[in-house]
């Protein structure tokens, strides 16, 4: 496995209020699994990173990996997965979740000792797990011959289903889940499903007309949610996608990243939130989606933008309790690499 370390090359640049470029203190490790592309998706409190990598000749098939904080890597493939193993999340116990496929995707749970179990929502022919909490409960989507929706499977074995156009992407330690739903709504709404089965849907910001598209991508143990929403109509150009943070009292902070030219970007997407309310995600500069850059937004609303040195694009996917960030960076040749950003 190739590993490269970088120190951010310049001091913080003075930008408009609440914005700064990456400070000199931030350091980076860039790593690759054998083969082609590497795509980390989650990091836990110990600094273990989980994700997917693709080897030359694999095509669309992937294999899973867990990289420990000391740099050692365990790779895995569900034995029956002749069409690949894709990882979406990891918890503090080192349990990873995702899906494997031999034609139709099925969820898997892999514990730290390497034990892998498959899971399918009863009656479904497709099940995908997106996130796992500290006790091993996990969430995702399922498809049946007649429909489907989102599911929440708690560690005690209780299963909650939300049918229709409903998706779950996050779960906290208490079993509350976050995602989106278009069921019984004219637009896609943000969604929080509490452990007792109560469903809360919302637009971002509240009162936006039908046509907004909101998704919860992260939910911490305090119940603070983050995600992104398209606050203008889908057919409008340019698209106006903004990040948001929803506090437990129902108040919202909606934000867009401002670039060094004092220009607000029109596509800012929050991807994850840690226990301190620090959010990470990406924003897109002019020139299209290939020009993504990363950001860290602290609980006070201060935003730091960053790009992994010598890379064309940076797409953070997760942050742990210590503020260590992981994700994917893309070089000028289009190859994806894993990165770790240390604050």
C-alpha atoms as a PDB file:
ATOM      1  CA  UNK A   1       0.000   0.000   0.000  1.00  0.00           C
ATOM      2  CA  UNK A   2       1.416   3.367  -1.004  1.00  0.00           C
ATOM      3  CA  UNK A   3       1.315   6.124   1.609  1.00  0.00           C
ATOM      4  CA  UNK A   4       2.187   9.800   1.177  1.00  0.00           C
ATOM      5  CA  UNK A   5       2.185  12.520   3.804  1.00  0.00           C
ATOM      6  CA  UNK A   6       1.803  16.224   3.203  1.00  0.00           C
ATOM      7  CA  UNK A   7       1.831  19.431   5.229  1.00  0.00           C
ATOM      8  CA  UNK A   8      -0.559  22.098   3.993  1.00  0.00           C
ATOM      9  CA  UNK A   9       1.603  24.443   1.976  1.00  0.00           C
ATOM     10  CA  UNK A  10       0.508  27.886   3.103  1.00  0.00           C
ATOM     11  CA  UNK A  11      -0.832  29.773   6.055  1.00  0.00           C
ATOM     12  CA  UNK A  12      -4.489  30.606   6.429  1.00  0.00           C
ATOM     13  CA  UNK A  13      -5.693  33.168   3.906  1.00  0.00           C
ATOM     14  CA  UNK A  14      -7.925  35.997   5.111  1.00  0.00           C
ATOM     15  CA  UNK A  15     -11.329  35.541   3.495  1.00  0.00           C
ATOM     16  CA  UNK A  16     -14.759  36.959   4.289  1.00  0.00           C
ATOM     17  CA  UNK A  17     -15.993  36.564   7.851  1.00  0.00           C
ATOM     18  CA  UNK A  18     -16.268  32.959   9.058  1.00  0.00           C
ATOM     19  CA  UNK A  19     -14.234  31.585   6.152  1.00  0.00           C
ATOM     20  CA  UNK A  20     -10.569  30.553   5.885  1.00  0.00           C
ATOM     21  CA  UNK A  21      -8.433  28.306   3.738  1.00  0.00           C
ATOM     22  CA  UNK A  22      -6.694  25.335   5.304  1.00  0.00           C
ATOM     23  CA  UNK A  23      -4.300  26.302   8.073  1.00  0.00           C
ATOM     24  CA  UNK A  24      -0.654  25.273   8.209  1.00  0.00           C
ATOM     25  CA  UNK A  25      -1.372  22.911  11.107  1.00  0.00           C
ATOM     26  CA  UNK A  26      -3.398  20.491   8.969  1.00  0.00           C
ATOM     27  CA  UNK A  27      -1.499  17.441   7.747  1.00  0.00           C
ATOM     28  CA  UNK A  28      -2.521  14.800   5.248  1.00  0.00           C
ATOM     29  CA  UNK A  29      -1.886  11.154   4.538  1.00  0.00           C
ATOM     30  CA  UNK A  30      -2.780   9.873   1.080  1.00  0.00           C
ATOM     31  CA  UNK A  31      -3.036   6.107   0.689  1.00  0.00           C
ATOM     32  CA  UNK A  32      -3.851   3.559  -1.993  1.00  0.00           C
ATOM     33  CA  UNK A  33      -4.943  -0.039  -1.886  1.00  0.00           C
ATOM     34  CA  UNK A  34      -3.362  -2.341  -4.478  1.00  0.00           C
ATOM     35  CA  UNK A  35      -4.812  -1.797  -7.936  1.00  0.00           C
ATOM     36  CA  UNK A  36      -6.774   1.215  -9.066  1.00  0.00           C
ATOM     37  CA  UNK A  37      -9.209   3.416  -7.152  1.00  0.00           C
ATOM     38  CA  UNK A  38      -9.553   3.751  -3.362  1.00  0.00           C
ATOM     39  CA  UNK A  39     -12.679   5.253  -1.748  1.00  0.00           C
ATOM     40  CA  UNK A  40     -12.896   5.625   2.064  1.00  0.00           C
ATOM     41  CA  UNK A  41     -16.384   6.260   3.453  1.00  0.00           C
ATOM     42  CA  UNK A  42     -16.163   6.098   7.251  1.00  0.00           C
ATOM     43  CA  UNK A  43     -13.848   6.659  10.224  1.00  0.00           C
ATOM     44  CA  UNK A  44     -14.357   5.695  13.873  1.00  0.00           C
ATOM     45  CA  UNK A  45     -13.083   7.070  17.180  1.00  0.00           C
ATOM     46  CA  UNK A  46      -9.900   4.971  16.989  1.00  0.00           C
ATOM     47  CA  UNK A  47      -9.106   6.269  13.523  1.00  0.00           C
ATOM     48  CA  UNK A  48     -10.033   3.039  11.736  1.00  0.00           C
ATOM     49  CA  UNK A  49     -11.147   3.830   8.176  1.00  0.00           C
ATOM     50  CA  UNK A  50     -13.461   1.687   6.064  1.00  0.00           C
ATOM     51  CA  UNK A  51     -14.140   1.841   2.360  1.00  0.00           C
ATOM     52  CA  UNK A  52     -13.959   0.161  -1.020  1.00  0.00           C
ATOM     53  CA  UNK A  53     -11.171  -0.316  -3.537  1.00  0.00           C
ATOM     54  CA  UNK A  54     -11.117  -1.546  -7.096  1.00  0.00           C
ATOM     55  CA  UNK A  55      -8.269  -3.529  -8.618  1.00  0.00           C
ATOM     56  CA  UNK A  56      -7.226  -3.443 -12.249  1.00  0.00           C
ATOM     57  CA  UNK A  57      -9.588  -5.515 -14.362  1.00  0.00           C
ATOM     58  CA  UNK A  58     -12.315  -5.519 -11.726  1.00  0.00           C
ATOM     59  CA  UNK A  59     -14.665  -3.375 -13.772  1.00  0.00           C
ATOM     60  CA  UNK A  60     -17.546  -2.451 -11.484  1.00  0.00           C
ATOM     61  CA  UNK A  61     -16.597  -5.033  -8.826  1.00  0.00           C
ATOM     62  CA  UNK A  62     -15.106  -3.728  -5.608  1.00  0.00           C
ATOM     63  CA  UNK A  63     -13.583  -5.122  -2.449  1.00  0.00           C
ATOM     64  CA  UNK A  64     -13.846  -3.853   1.094  1.00  0.00           C
ATOM     65  CA  UNK A  65     -11.071  -2.643   3.358  1.00  0.00           C
ATOM     66  CA  UNK A  66     -10.539  -1.507   6.933  1.00  0.00           C
ATOM     67  CA  UNK A  67      -7.422   0.570   7.529  1.00  0.00           C
ATOM     68  CA  UNK A  68      -6.325   0.956  11.148  1.00  0.00           C
ATOM     69  CA  UNK A  69      -4.857   4.168  12.538  1.00  0.00           C
ATOM     70  CA  UNK A  70      -1.349   2.664  12.373  1.00  0.00           C
ATOM     71  CA  UNK A  71      -1.714   2.141   8.620  1.00  0.00           C
ATOM     72  CA  UNK A  72      -2.231  -1.620   8.591  1.00  0.00           C
ATOM     73  CA  UNK A  73      -4.981  -2.756   6.241  1.00  0.00           C
ATOM     74  CA  UNK A  74      -7.381  -5.708   6.188  1.00  0.00           C
ATOM     75  CA  UNK A  75      -9.074  -6.332   2.851  1.00  0.00           C
ATOM     76  CA  UNK A  76     -12.103  -8.547   2.354  1.00  0.00           C
ATOM     77  CA  UNK A  77     -14.674  -9.786  -0.092  1.00  0.00           C
ATOM     78  CA  UNK A  78     -17.876 -11.613   0.820  1.00  0.00           C
ATOM     79  CA  UNK A  79     -17.154 -15.158  -0.457  1.00  0.00           C
ATOM     80  CA  UNK A  80     -20.275 -15.350  -2.643  1.00  0.00           C
ATOM     81  CA  UNK A  81     -19.797 -11.842  -4.032  1.00  0.00           C
ATOM     82  CA  UNK A  82     -18.723 -12.452  -7.600  1.00  0.00           C
ATOM     83  CA  UNK A  83     -20.048  -8.987  -8.493  1.00  0.00           C
ATOM     84  CA  UNK A  84     -18.288  -7.114  -5.689  1.00  0.00           C
ATOM     85  CA  UNK A  85     -18.358  -5.965  -2.050  1.00  0.00           C
ATOM     86  CA  UNK A  86     -19.086  -2.279  -1.348  1.00  0.00           C
ATOM     87  CA  UNK A  87     -18.585  -0.683   2.094  1.00  0.00           C
ATOM     88  CA  UNK A  88     -20.623   2.282   3.375  1.00  0.00           C
ATOM     89  CA  UNK A  89     -19.953   2.609   7.109  1.00  0.00           C
ATOM     90  CA  UNK A  90     -17.989   1.627  10.222  1.00  0.00           C
ATOM     91  CA  UNK A  91     -18.662   2.026  13.955  1.00  0.00           C
ATOM     92  CA  UNK A  92     -16.390   2.466  16.982  1.00  0.00           C
ATOM     93  CA  UNK A  93     -16.270  -1.310  17.525  1.00  0.00           C
ATOM     94  CA  UNK A  94     -14.764  -1.731  14.052  1.00  0.00           C
ATOM     95  CA  UNK A  95     -17.913  -3.239  12.554  1.00  0.00           C
ATOM     96  CA  UNK A  96     -18.331  -2.376   8.864  1.00  0.00           C
ATOM     97  CA  UNK A  97     -21.509  -2.526   6.778  1.00  0.00           C
ATOM     98  CA  UNK A  98     -22.416  -2.274   3.119  1.00  0.00           C
ATOM     99  CA  UNK A  99     -23.578  -4.691   0.470  1.00  0.00           C
ATOM    100  CA  UNK A 100     -22.286  -7.566  -1.597  1.00  0.00           C
ATOM    101  CA  UNK A 101     -23.630  -8.789  -4.886  1.00  0.00           C
ATOM    102  CA  UNK A 102     -23.829 -11.898  -6.975  1.00  0.00           C
ATOM    103  CA  UNK A 103     -26.505 -10.289  -9.108  1.00  0.00           C
ATOM    104  CA  UNK A 104     -28.860  -8.639  -6.587  1.00  0.00           C
ATOM    105  CA  UNK A 105     -27.276  -6.648  -3.710  1.00  0.00           C
ATOM    106  CA  UNK A 106     -27.575  -8.012  -0.160  1.00  0.00           C
ATOM    107  CA  UNK A 107     -26.421  -6.271   3.014  1.00  0.00           C
ATOM    108  CA  UNK A 108     -23.483  -7.507   5.061  1.00  0.00           C
ATOM    109  CA  UNK A 109     -22.083  -6.876   8.533  1.00  0.00           C
ATOM    110  CA  UNK A 110     -18.360  -7.493   9.130  1.00  0.00           C
ATOM    111  CA  UNK A 111     -17.054  -7.450  12.701  1.00  0.00           C
ATOM    112  CA  UNK A 112     -13.514  -6.499  13.692  1.00  0.00           C
ATOM    113  CA  UNK A 113     -12.412 -10.135  13.832  1.00  0.00           C
ATOM    114  CA  UNK A 114     -13.327 -10.588  10.176  1.00  0.00           C
ATOM    115  CA  UNK A 115     -16.593 -12.463  10.666  1.00  0.00           C
ATOM    116  CA  UNK A 116     -19.096 -11.585   7.921  1.00  0.00           C
ATOM    117  CA  UNK A 117     -22.843 -12.095   8.044  1.00  0.00           C
ATOM    118  CA  UNK A 118     -25.344 -11.340   5.295  1.00  0.00           C
ATOM    119  CA  UNK A 119     -28.690  -9.708   5.967  1.00  0.00           C
ATOM    120  CA  UNK A 120     -31.846  -9.273   3.910  1.00  0.00           C
ATOM    121  CA  UNK A 121     -35.037  -7.505   4.957  1.00  0.00           C
ATOM    122  CA  UNK A 122     -37.695 -10.257   5.056  1.00  0.00           C
ATOM    123  CA  UNK A 123     -39.465 -10.512   1.701  1.00  0.00           C
ATOM    124  CA  UNK A 124     -36.916  -8.343  -0.108  1.00  0.00           C
ATOM    125  CA  UNK A 125     -34.742  -9.202  -3.071  1.00  0.00           C
ATOM    126  CA  UNK A 126     -32.367  -6.243  -2.556  1.00  0.00           C
ATOM    127  CA  UNK A 127     -31.017  -4.921   0.777  1.00  0.00           C
ATOM    128  CA  UNK A 128     -28.280  -2.298   1.198  1.00  0.00           C
ATOM    129  CA  UNK A 129     -26.834  -1.148   4.547  1.00  0.00           C
ATOM    130  CA  UNK A 130     -25.529   2.442   4.678  1.00  0.00           C
ATOM    131  CA  UNK A 131     -24.586   3.128   8.308  1.00  0.00           C
ATOM    132  CA  UNK A 132     -24.029   1.299  11.621  1.00  0.00           C
ATOM    133  CA  UNK A 133     -24.177   2.659  15.169  1.00  0.00           C
ATOM    134  CA  UNK A 134     -22.100   1.930  18.270  1.00  0.00           C
ATOM    135  CA  UNK A 135     -24.211  -1.049  19.381  1.00  0.00           C
ATOM    136  CA  UNK A 136     -24.355  -2.632  15.919  1.00  0.00           C
ATOM    137  CA  UNK A 137     -27.750  -1.407  14.755  1.00  0.00           C
ATOM    138  CA  UNK A 138     -27.780  -0.435  11.098  1.00  0.00           C
ATOM    139  CA  UNK A 139     -29.927   1.273   8.479  1.00  0.00           C
ATOM    140  CA  UNK A 140     -30.370   1.223   4.732  1.00  0.00           C
ATOM    141  CA  UNK A 141     -32.755   0.543   1.875  1.00  0.00           C
ATOM    142  CA  UNK A 142     -34.600  -2.516   0.615  1.00  0.00           C
ATOM    143  CA  UNK A 143     -36.529  -3.497  -2.499  1.00  0.00           C
ATOM    144  CA  UNK A 144     -39.299  -6.082  -2.781  1.00  0.00           C
ATOM    145  CA  UNK A 145     -41.061  -7.366  -5.898  1.00  0.00           C
ATOM    146  CA  UNK A 146     -43.862  -4.888  -5.167  1.00  0.00           C
ATOM    147  CA  UNK A 147     -42.082  -1.910  -3.610  1.00  0.00           C
ATOM    148  CA  UNK A 148     -39.532  -1.191  -0.911  1.00  0.00           C
ATOM    149  CA  UNK A 149     -38.269   1.670   1.218  1.00  0.00           C
ATOM    150  CA  UNK A 150     -35.929   2.283   4.133  1.00  0.00           C
ATOM    151  CA  UNK A 151     -35.222   0.045   7.125  1.00  0.00           C
ATOM    152  CA  UNK A 152     -33.829   0.386  10.635  1.00  0.00           C
ATOM    153  CA  UNK A 153     -32.528  -2.778  12.317  1.00  0.00           C
ATOM    154  CA  UNK A 154     -31.572  -2.204  15.963  1.00  0.00           C
ATOM    155  CA  UNK A 155     -29.103  -4.292  17.949  1.00  0.00           C
ATOM    156  CA  UNK A 156     -31.958  -5.951  19.869  1.00  0.00           C
ATOM    157  CA  UNK A 157     -33.290  -7.342  16.580  1.00  0.00           C
ATOM    158  CA  UNK A 158     -36.261  -5.004  16.260  1.00  0.00           C
ATOM    159  CA  UNK A 159     -36.917  -3.998  12.653  1.00  0.00           C
ATOM    160  CA  UNK A 160     -38.605  -0.816  11.520  1.00  0.00           C
ATOM    161  CA  UNK A 161     -39.671  -0.261   7.920  1.00  0.00           C
ATOM    162  CA  UNK A 162     -40.601   2.941   6.122  1.00  0.00           C
ATOM    163  CA  UNK A 163     -42.177   2.125   2.790  1.00  0.00           C
ATOM    164  CA  UNK A 164     -42.162   4.064  -0.447  1.00  0.00           C
ATOM    165  CA  UNK A 165     -39.618   6.626  -1.574  1.00  0.00           C
ATOM    166  CA  UNK A 166     -37.781   6.593   1.763  1.00  0.00           C
ATOM    167  CA  UNK A 167     -34.047   6.238   2.339  1.00  0.00           C
ATOM    168  CA  UNK A 168     -31.955   6.015   5.529  1.00  0.00           C
ATOM    169  CA  UNK A 169     -28.284   7.036   5.454  1.00  0.00           C
ATOM    170  CA  UNK A 170     -27.398   7.689   9.114  1.00  0.00           C
ATOM    171  CA  UNK A 171     -28.047   6.255  12.581  1.00  0.00           C
ATOM    172  CA  UNK A 172     -26.950   7.469  16.015  1.00  0.00           C
ATOM    173  CA  UNK A 173     -26.230   5.577  19.223  1.00  0.00           C
ATOM    174  CA  UNK A 174     -29.866   5.779  20.339  1.00  0.00           C
ATOM    175  CA  UNK A 175     -31.250   4.202  17.172  1.00  0.00           C
ATOM    176  CA  UNK A 176     -32.548   7.430  15.642  1.00  0.00           C
ATOM    177  CA  UNK A 177     -32.107   7.371  11.858  1.00  0.00           C
ATOM    178  CA  UNK A 178     -31.732  10.109   9.250  1.00  0.00           C
ATOM    179  CA  UNK A 179     -32.425  10.201   5.529  1.00  0.00           C
ATOM    180  CA  UNK A 180     -35.047  11.459   3.110  1.00  0.00           C
ATOM    181  CA  UNK A 181     -38.550  10.686   1.920  1.00  0.00           C
ATOM    182  CA  UNK A 182     -40.832  11.623  -0.944  1.00  0.00           C
ATOM    183  CA  UNK A 183     -43.711   9.523   0.379  1.00  0.00           C
ATOM    184  CA  UNK A 184     -46.861  11.649   0.639  1.00  0.00           C
ATOM    185  CA  UNK A 185     -44.852  14.775  -0.173  1.00  0.00           C
ATOM    186  CA  UNK A 186     -44.611  16.799  -3.394  1.00  0.00           C
ATOM    187  CA  UNK A 187     -40.841  17.177  -2.932  1.00  0.00           C
ATOM    188  CA  UNK A 188     -38.127  15.166  -1.234  1.00  0.00           C
ATOM    189  CA  UNK A 189     -38.092  16.013   2.477  1.00  0.00           C
ATOM    190  CA  UNK A 190     -35.463  15.562   5.137  1.00  0.00           C
ATOM    191  CA  UNK A 191     -36.348  12.721   7.488  1.00  0.00           C
ATOM    192  CA  UNK A 192     -35.553  11.739  11.064  1.00  0.00           C
ATOM    193  CA  UNK A 193     -37.049   8.496  12.357  1.00  0.00           C
ATOM    194  CA  UNK A 194     -36.841   8.227  16.127  1.00  0.00           C
ATOM    195  CA  UNK A 195     -36.260   4.940  17.884  1.00  0.00           C
ATOM    196  CA  UNK A 196     -39.934   4.720  18.897  1.00  0.00           C
ATOM    197  CA  UNK A 197     -40.953   4.840  15.225  1.00  0.00           C
ATOM    198  CA  UNK A 198     -42.030   8.493  15.167  1.00  0.00           C
ATOM    199  CA  UNK A 199     -41.192  10.094  11.815  1.00  0.00           C
ATOM    200  CA  UNK A 200     -40.267  13.774  11.479  1.00  0.00           C
ATOM    201  CA  UNK A 201     -40.132  15.266   7.974  1.00  0.00           C
ATOM    202  CA  UNK A 202     -38.981  18.774   7.093  1.00  0.00           C
ATOM    203  CA  UNK A 203     -38.007  21.099   4.263  1.00  0.00           C
ATOM    204  CA  UNK A 204     -34.848  23.205   4.347  1.00  0.00           C
ATOM    205  CA  UNK A 205     -35.248  25.918   5.318  1.00  0.00           C
ATOM    206  CA  UNK A 206     -38.756  25.477   6.728  1.00  0.00           C
ATOM    207  CA  UNK A 207     -41.454  26.804   4.440  1.00  0.00           C
ATOM    208  CA  UNK A 208     -39.614  26.321   1.159  1.00  0.00           C
ATOM    209  CA  UNK A 209     -42.237  25.624  -1.552  1.00  0.00           C
ATOM    210  CA  UNK A 210     -42.808  22.201  -3.037  1.00  0.00           C
ATOM    211  CA  UNK A 211     -39.855  21.147  -5.134  1.00  0.00           C
ATOM    212  CA  UNK A 212     -37.097  21.392  -2.524  1.00  0.00           C
ATOM    213  CA  UNK A 213     -34.922  18.295  -2.234  1.00  0.00           C
ATOM    214  CA  UNK A 214     -33.584  17.693   1.301  1.00  0.00           C
ATOM    215  CA  UNK A 215     -31.484  14.766   2.531  1.00  0.00           C
ATOM    216  CA  UNK A 216     -30.105  14.020   6.004  1.00  0.00           C
ATOM    217  CA  UNK A 217     -26.621  12.539   5.635  1.00  0.00           C
ATOM    218  CA  UNK A 218     -25.439  12.653   9.257  1.00  0.00           C
ATOM    219  CA  UNK A 219     -27.038  12.465  12.717  1.00  0.00           C
ATOM    220  CA  UNK A 220     -25.030  12.671  15.928  1.00  0.00           C
ATOM    221  CA  UNK A 221     -25.893  11.360  19.381  1.00  0.00           C
ATOM    222  CA  UNK A 222     -27.229  14.766  20.461  1.00  0.00           C
ATOM    223  CA  UNK A 223     -29.813  14.528  17.682  1.00  0.00           C
ATOM    224  CA  UNK A 224     -28.271  17.273  15.544  1.00  0.00           C
ATOM    225  CA  UNK A 225     -28.688  16.471  11.855  1.00  0.00           C
ATOM    226  CA  UNK A 226     -26.742  17.611   8.832  1.00  0.00           C
ATOM    227  CA  UNK A 227     -27.225  17.208   5.110  1.00  0.00           C
ATOM    228  CA  UNK A 228     -27.964  19.227   2.010  1.00  0.00           C
ATOM    229  CA  UNK A 229     -30.966  20.585   0.156  1.00  0.00           C
ATOM    230  CA  UNK A 230     -31.692  21.941  -3.282  1.00  0.00           C
ATOM    231  CA  UNK A 231     -33.549  25.105  -2.397  1.00  0.00           C
ATOM    232  CA  UNK A 232     -34.424  26.157  -5.934  1.00  0.00           C
ATOM    233  CA  UNK A 233     -36.526  24.261  -8.451  1.00  0.00           C
ATOM    234  CA  UNK A 234     -35.005  21.184 -10.025  1.00  0.00           C
ATOM    235  CA  UNK A 235     -35.200  22.586 -13.553  1.00  0.00           C
ATOM    236  CA  UNK A 236     -33.602  25.899 -12.606  1.00  0.00           C
ATOM    237  CA  UNK A 237     -30.037  26.717 -13.638  1.00  0.00           C
ATOM    238  CA  UNK A 238     -27.696  26.975 -11.972  1.00  0.00           C
ATOM    239  CA  UNK A 239     -28.709  24.526  -9.272  1.00  0.00           C
ATOM    240  CA  UNK A 240     -28.721  25.966  -5.761  1.00  0.00           C
ATOM    241  CA  UNK A 241     -27.665  23.239  -3.315  1.00  0.00           C
ATOM    242  CA  UNK A 242     -26.826  24.251   0.251  1.00  0.00           C
ATOM    243  CA  UNK A 243     -25.638  22.495   3.358  1.00  0.00           C
ATOM    244  CA  UNK A 244     -27.688  22.583   6.529  1.00  0.00           C
ATOM    245  CA  UNK A 245     -27.508  21.801  10.221  1.00  0.00           C
ATOM    246  CA  UNK A 246     -30.748  21.131  12.093  1.00  0.00           C
ATOM    247  CA  UNK A 247     -30.528  21.488  15.883  1.00  0.00           C
ATOM    248  CA  UNK A 248     -32.650  19.410  18.231  1.00  0.00           C
ATOM    249  CA  UNK A 249     -34.914  22.406  18.899  1.00  0.00           C
ATOM    250  CA  UNK A 250     -35.810  22.509  15.200  1.00  0.00           C
ATOM    251  CA  UNK A 251     -33.735  25.573  14.295  1.00  0.00           C
ATOM    252  CA  UNK A 252     -31.724  25.518  11.073  1.00  0.00           C
ATOM    253  CA  UNK A 253     -28.394  26.857   9.900  1.00  0.00           C
ATOM    254  CA  UNK A 254     -28.292  26.870   6.100  1.00  0.00           C
ATOM    255  CA  UNK A 255     -24.961  27.659   4.480  1.00  0.00           C
ATOM    256  CA  UNK A 256     -22.952  27.895   1.291  1.00  0.00           C
ATOM    257  CA  UNK A 257     -19.176  27.959   1.024  1.00  0.00           C
ATOM    258  CA  UNK A 258     -17.592  31.228  -0.093  1.00  0.00           C
ATOM    259  CA  UNK A 259     -14.457  30.939  -2.243  1.00  0.00           C
ATOM    260  CA  UNK A 260     -11.327  33.069  -2.110  1.00  0.00           C
ATOM    261  CA  UNK A 261     -12.776  35.407  -4.713  1.00  0.00           C
ATOM    262  CA  UNK A 262     -15.631  36.227  -2.319  1.00  0.00           C
ATOM    263  CA  UNK A 263     -17.962  34.241  -4.560  1.00  0.00           C
ATOM    264  CA  UNK A 264     -20.635  32.040  -3.022  1.00  0.00           C
ATOM    265  CA  UNK A 265     -20.710  28.604  -4.627  1.00  0.00           C
ATOM    266  CA  UNK A 266     -24.043  27.197  -5.759  1.00  0.00           C
ATOM    267  CA  UNK A 267     -23.392  23.599  -4.679  1.00  0.00           C
ATOM    268  CA  UNK A 268     -22.397  22.855  -1.060  1.00  0.00           C
ATOM    269  CA  UNK A 269     -23.058  19.378   0.350  1.00  0.00           C
ATOM    270  CA  UNK A 270     -22.634  18.385   4.004  1.00  0.00           C
ATOM    271  CA  UNK A 271     -21.803  14.695   4.411  1.00  0.00           C
ATOM    272  CA  UNK A 272     -21.162  13.951   8.095  1.00  0.00           C
ATOM    273  CA  UNK A 273     -21.252  15.427  11.611  1.00  0.00           C
ATOM    274  CA  UNK A 274     -19.367  14.434  14.764  1.00  0.00           C
ATOM    275  CA  UNK A 275     -20.273  14.605  18.456  1.00  0.00           C
ATOM    276  CA  UNK A 276     -19.093  18.229  18.724  1.00  0.00           C
ATOM    277  CA  UNK A 277     -21.297  19.332  15.843  1.00  0.00           C
ATOM    278  CA  UNK A 278     -18.405  19.698  13.387  1.00  0.00           C
ATOM    279  CA  UNK A 279     -19.555  19.083   9.816  1.00  0.00           C
ATOM    280  CA  UNK A 280     -17.568  18.008   6.761  1.00  0.00           C
ATOM    281  CA  UNK A 281     -18.497  17.879   3.113  1.00  0.00           C
ATOM    282  CA  UNK A 282     -17.623  19.199  -0.321  1.00  0.00           C
ATOM    283  CA  UNK A 283     -18.415  22.168  -2.480  1.00  0.00           C
ATOM    284  CA  UNK A 284     -18.055  22.561  -6.219  1.00  0.00           C
ATOM    285  CA  UNK A 285     -16.125  25.339  -7.880  1.00  0.00           C
ATOM    286  CA  UNK A 286     -16.727  26.615 -11.387  1.00  0.00           C
ATOM    287  CA  UNK A 287     -15.850  24.027 -13.990  1.00  0.00           C
ATOM    288  CA  UNK A 288     -18.168  21.256 -12.906  1.00  0.00           C
ATOM    289  CA  UNK A 289     -18.303  18.398 -10.439  1.00  0.00           C
ATOM    290  CA  UNK A 290     -14.731  17.354 -11.163  1.00  0.00           C
ATOM    291  CA  UNK A 291     -13.571  20.410  -9.199  1.00  0.00           C
ATOM    292  CA  UNK A 292     -14.857  19.457  -5.746  1.00  0.00           C
ATOM    293  CA  UNK A 293     -13.067  20.871  -2.690  1.00  0.00           C
ATOM    294  CA  UNK A 294     -13.495  19.944   0.966  1.00  0.00           C
ATOM    295  CA  UNK A 295     -14.719  21.971   3.914  1.00  0.00           C
ATOM    296  CA  UNK A 296     -14.918  21.677   7.689  1.00  0.00           C
ATOM    297  CA  UNK A 297     -17.602  23.709   9.465  1.00  0.00           C
ATOM    298  CA  UNK A 298     -17.322  24.009  13.250  1.00  0.00           C
ATOM    299  CA  UNK A 299     -20.272  24.209  15.632  1.00  0.00           C
ATOM    300  CA  UNK A 300     -20.076  28.019  15.628  1.00  0.00           C
ATOM    301  CA  UNK A 301     -20.441  28.207  11.861  1.00  0.00           C
ATOM    302  CA  UNK A 302     -16.792  28.926  10.991  1.00  0.00           C
ATOM    303  CA  UNK A 303     -15.862  27.231   7.716  1.00  0.00           C
ATOM    304  CA  UNK A 304     -12.389  26.087   6.685  1.00  0.00           C
ATOM    305  CA  UNK A 305     -11.937  25.008   3.070  1.00  0.00           C
ATOM    306  CA  UNK A 306      -9.230  22.601   1.978  1.00  0.00           C
ATOM    307  CA  UNK A 307      -7.865  20.548  -0.861  1.00  0.00           C
ATOM    308  CA  UNK A 308      -5.492  17.618  -0.504  1.00  0.00           C
ATOM    309  CA  UNK A 309      -2.129  18.870  -1.834  1.00  0.00           C
ATOM    310  CA  UNK A 310      -1.360  17.976  -5.460  1.00  0.00           C
ATOM    311  CA  UNK A 311      -4.879  16.689  -6.072  1.00  0.00           C
ATOM    312  CA  UNK A 312      -7.495  18.030  -8.475  1.00  0.00           C
ATOM    313  CA  UNK A 313     -10.514  17.247  -6.285  1.00  0.00           C
ATOM    314  CA  UNK A 314     -11.237  16.451  -2.624  1.00  0.00           C
ATOM    315  CA  UNK A 315     -14.432  14.786  -1.362  1.00  0.00           C
ATOM    316  CA  UNK A 316     -14.594  14.307   2.429  1.00  0.00           C
ATOM    317  CA  UNK A 317     -16.998  11.617   3.609  1.00  0.00           C
ATOM    318  CA  UNK A 318     -16.554  11.277   7.380  1.00  0.00           C
ATOM    319  CA  UNK A 319     -15.153  12.886  10.549  1.00  0.00           C
ATOM    320  CA  UNK A 320     -14.521  11.311  13.947  1.00  0.00           C
ATOM    321  CA  UNK A 321     -14.723  12.678  17.486  1.00  0.00           C
ATOM    322  CA  UNK A 322     -11.114  13.940  17.309  1.00  0.00           C
ATOM    323  CA  UNK A 323     -11.786  15.930  14.145  1.00  0.00           C
ATOM    324  CA  UNK A 324      -9.852  13.575  11.868  1.00  0.00           C
ATOM    325  CA  UNK A 325     -11.388  13.589   8.393  1.00  0.00           C
ATOM    326  CA  UNK A 326     -11.297  10.940   5.683  1.00  0.00           C
ATOM    327  CA  UNK A 327     -12.565  10.723   2.144  1.00  0.00           C
ATOM    328  CA  UNK A 328     -11.499  10.506  -1.472  1.00  0.00           C
ATOM    329  CA  UNK A 329      -9.167  12.731  -3.457  1.00  0.00           C
ATOM    330  CA  UNK A 330      -8.790  12.613  -7.227  1.00  0.00           C
ATOM    331  CA  UNK A 331      -5.597  13.255  -9.148  1.00  0.00           C
ATOM    332  CA  UNK A 332      -5.241  14.902 -12.556  1.00  0.00           C
ATOM    333  CA  UNK A 333      -5.510  11.494 -14.227  1.00  0.00           C
ATOM    334  CA  UNK A 334      -8.880  10.799 -12.600  1.00  0.00           C
ATOM    335  CA  UNK A 335      -7.615   8.113 -10.201  1.00  0.00           C
ATOM    336  CA  UNK A 336      -9.232   8.095  -6.760  1.00  0.00           C
ATOM    337  CA  UNK A 337      -7.059   7.877  -3.643  1.00  0.00           C
ATOM    338  CA  UNK A 338      -7.902   7.689   0.041  1.00  0.00           C
ATOM    339  CA  UNK A 339      -6.877  10.535   2.346  1.00  0.00           C
ATOM    340  CA  UNK A 340      -6.744  11.315   6.047  1.00  0.00           C
ATOM    341  CA  UNK A 341      -6.706  14.936   7.253  1.00  0.00           C
ATOM    342  CA  UNK A 342      -5.373  15.552  10.748  1.00  0.00           C
ATOM    343  CA  UNK A 343      -6.384  18.890  12.328  1.00  0.00           C
END
